[in-house]
Amino acid sequence: QYSLIKDVVSSLKRHRMHEQQFSHHPLLVLSNFGLQQIQVKLMASMFQNMFPSINVHRVNLNSIKRCLLITYDAKNQLLDFRHYSVKVVPVGVSKGLKKLLQEKFPNMSRLEDISELL
């Protein structure tokens, strides 16, 4: 079973697809691949070798735009692929400052000073 990209995009209220998403490899997350069966180990190794490894101490969070989640269901012997778009947003700051950090310029016509925004 699968869905075409045009069906996925048409079902979303706001889709976030842009060319930069596909300029870097996705972050790979494997779930339920810890079984000791040889075929499960082989599948996990194959998926891990499809994408370059990530050094967590040196990775720039802004370069990670996608996440690929692969879950193995041992009971049914099925794989579930989920492909997510990732967006880094600032946390713990005011709404006005968050807009500035995300390069969305707020309407400042009703403000007298920039300190009112911050």
Protein backbone atom coordinates (compact mmCIF):
# COMPACT_ATOMS: atom_id res chain seq x y z
CA GLN A 1 0.00 0.00 0.00
CA TYR A 2 1.27 3.46 -0.83
CA SER A 3 0.15 7.03 -1.47
CA LEU A 4 1.19 9.24 -4.33
CA ILE A 5 2.77 12.59 -3.51
CA LYS A 6 -0.02 14.51 -5.25
CA ASP A 7 -2.58 12.77 -2.99
CA VAL A 8 -0.58 13.59 0.14
CA VAL A 9 -0.09 17.24 -0.86
CA SER A 10 -3.77 17.69 -1.76
CA SER A 11 -4.85 16.37 1.66
CA LEU A 12 -2.68 18.88 3.59
CA LYS A 13 -3.92 22.31 4.61
CA ARG A 14 -0.42 23.81 4.36
CA HIS A 15 2.28 21.77 2.73
CA ARG A 16 5.93 22.56 3.30
CA MET A 17 7.74 21.29 0.25
CA HIS A 18 10.72 23.14 -1.11
CA GLU A 19 13.86 22.23 -3.05
CA GLN A 20 16.16 22.55 -0.03
CA GLN A 21 14.48 19.61 1.71
CA PHE A 22 16.05 17.19 -0.71
CA SER A 23 19.54 18.72 -0.81
CA HIS A 24 20.62 16.74 2.29
CA HIS A 25 20.01 13.16 3.32
CA PRO A 26 17.26 12.44 5.86
CA LEU A 27 17.69 11.50 9.49
CA LEU A 28 17.03 7.74 9.61
CA VAL A 29 15.12 6.27 12.55
CA LEU A 30 14.73 2.48 12.75
CA SER A 31 12.13 1.06 15.10
CA ASN A 32 11.73 -2.58 16.23
CA PHE A 33 14.86 -3.75 14.42
CA GLY A 34 16.49 -5.11 17.61
CA LEU A 35 15.45 -8.71 16.95
CA GLN A 36 18.17 -11.34 16.65
CA GLN A 37 16.86 -12.87 13.42
CA ILE A 38 19.36 -12.70 10.58
CA GLN A 39 16.89 -11.24 8.05
CA VAL A 40 15.97 -8.40 10.44
CA LYS A 41 19.65 -7.59 11.01
CA LEU A 42 20.22 -7.64 7.26
CA MET A 43 17.32 -5.22 6.65
CA ALA A 44 18.57 -2.87 9.38
CA SER A 45 22.08 -2.92 7.93
CA MET A 46 20.74 -2.26 4.43
CA PHE A 47 18.71 0.77 5.57
CA GLN A 48 21.62 2.15 7.61
CA ASN A 49 23.96 1.89 4.63
CA MET A 50 21.53 3.65 2.30
CA PHE A 51 22.21 6.96 4.09
CA PRO A 52 25.43 8.43 5.49
CA SER A 53 25.94 8.21 9.23
CA ILE A 54 25.44 11.37 11.28
CA ASN A 55 27.92 12.59 13.86
CA VAL A 56 25.59 13.95 16.55
CA HIS A 57 28.29 16.18 18.02
CA ARG A 58 29.02 17.94 14.72
CA VAL A 59 25.66 17.98 12.93
CA ASN A 60 24.07 21.33 12.20
CA LEU A 61 20.39 21.10 13.17
CA ASN A 62 19.44 23.50 10.40
CA SER A 63 20.77 21.06 7.80
CA ILE A 64 18.33 18.31 8.85
CA LYS A 65 15.15 18.92 6.85
CA ARG A 66 13.67 15.42 6.68
CA CYS A 67 13.25 12.36 8.88
CA LEU A 68 12.65 8.83 7.59
CA LEU A 69 11.02 6.51 10.13
CA ILE A 70 11.03 2.80 9.30
CA THR A 71 9.14 0.50 11.66
CA TYR A 72 9.26 -3.29 11.46
CA ASP A 73 6.20 -5.29 12.54
CA ALA A 74 7.52 -8.75 13.47
CA LYS A 75 4.05 -10.27 13.84
CA ASN A 76 2.94 -9.45 10.28
CA GLN A 77 6.48 -9.14 8.87
CA LEU A 78 5.69 -5.74 7.36
CA LEU A 79 7.68 -2.53 7.09
CA ASP A 80 6.07 0.85 7.68
CA PHE A 81 7.77 3.85 6.02
CA ARG A 82 7.03 7.37 7.22
CA HIS A 83 8.72 10.38 5.68
CA TYR A 84 8.50 13.61 7.69
CA SER A 85 9.48 17.19 7.00
CA VAL A 86 11.42 18.68 9.92
CA LYS A 87 11.46 22.35 10.85
CA VAL A 88 13.65 23.82 13.59
CA VAL A 89 11.83 26.50 15.59
CA PRO A 90 13.01 28.52 18.57
CA VAL A 91 11.46 27.64 21.93
CA GLY A 92 11.05 29.78 25.03
CA VAL A 93 11.04 33.20 23.34
CA SER A 94 8.29 35.72 22.77
CA LYS A 95 6.05 35.48 19.72
CA GLY A 96 7.52 38.61 18.13
CA LEU A 97 11.12 37.48 18.59
CA LYS A 98 10.24 34.02 17.25
CA LYS A 99 8.93 35.62 14.06
CA LEU A 100 12.13 37.60 13.67
CA LEU A 101 14.28 34.51 14.20
CA GLN A 102 12.28 32.63 11.57
CA GLU A 103 12.73 35.56 9.17
CA LYS A 104 9.01 36.36 9.17
CA PHE A 105 8.73 40.07 9.66
CA PRO A 106 5.78 41.06 11.87
CA ASN A 107 3.58 44.09 11.30
CA MET A 108 5.21 46.80 13.39
CA SER A 109 3.03 49.70 12.22
CA ARG A 110 1.15 49.90 15.53
CA LEU A 111 4.38 49.83 17.60
CA GLU A 112 6.35 52.88 18.54
CA ASP A 113 9.58 51.09 19.45
CA ILE A 114 11.23 47.73 18.74
CA SER A 115 11.29 47.01 22.47
CA GLU A 116 7.50 46.64 22.41
CA LEU A 117 7.90 43.73 20.02
CA LEU A 118 10.58 42.02 22.08
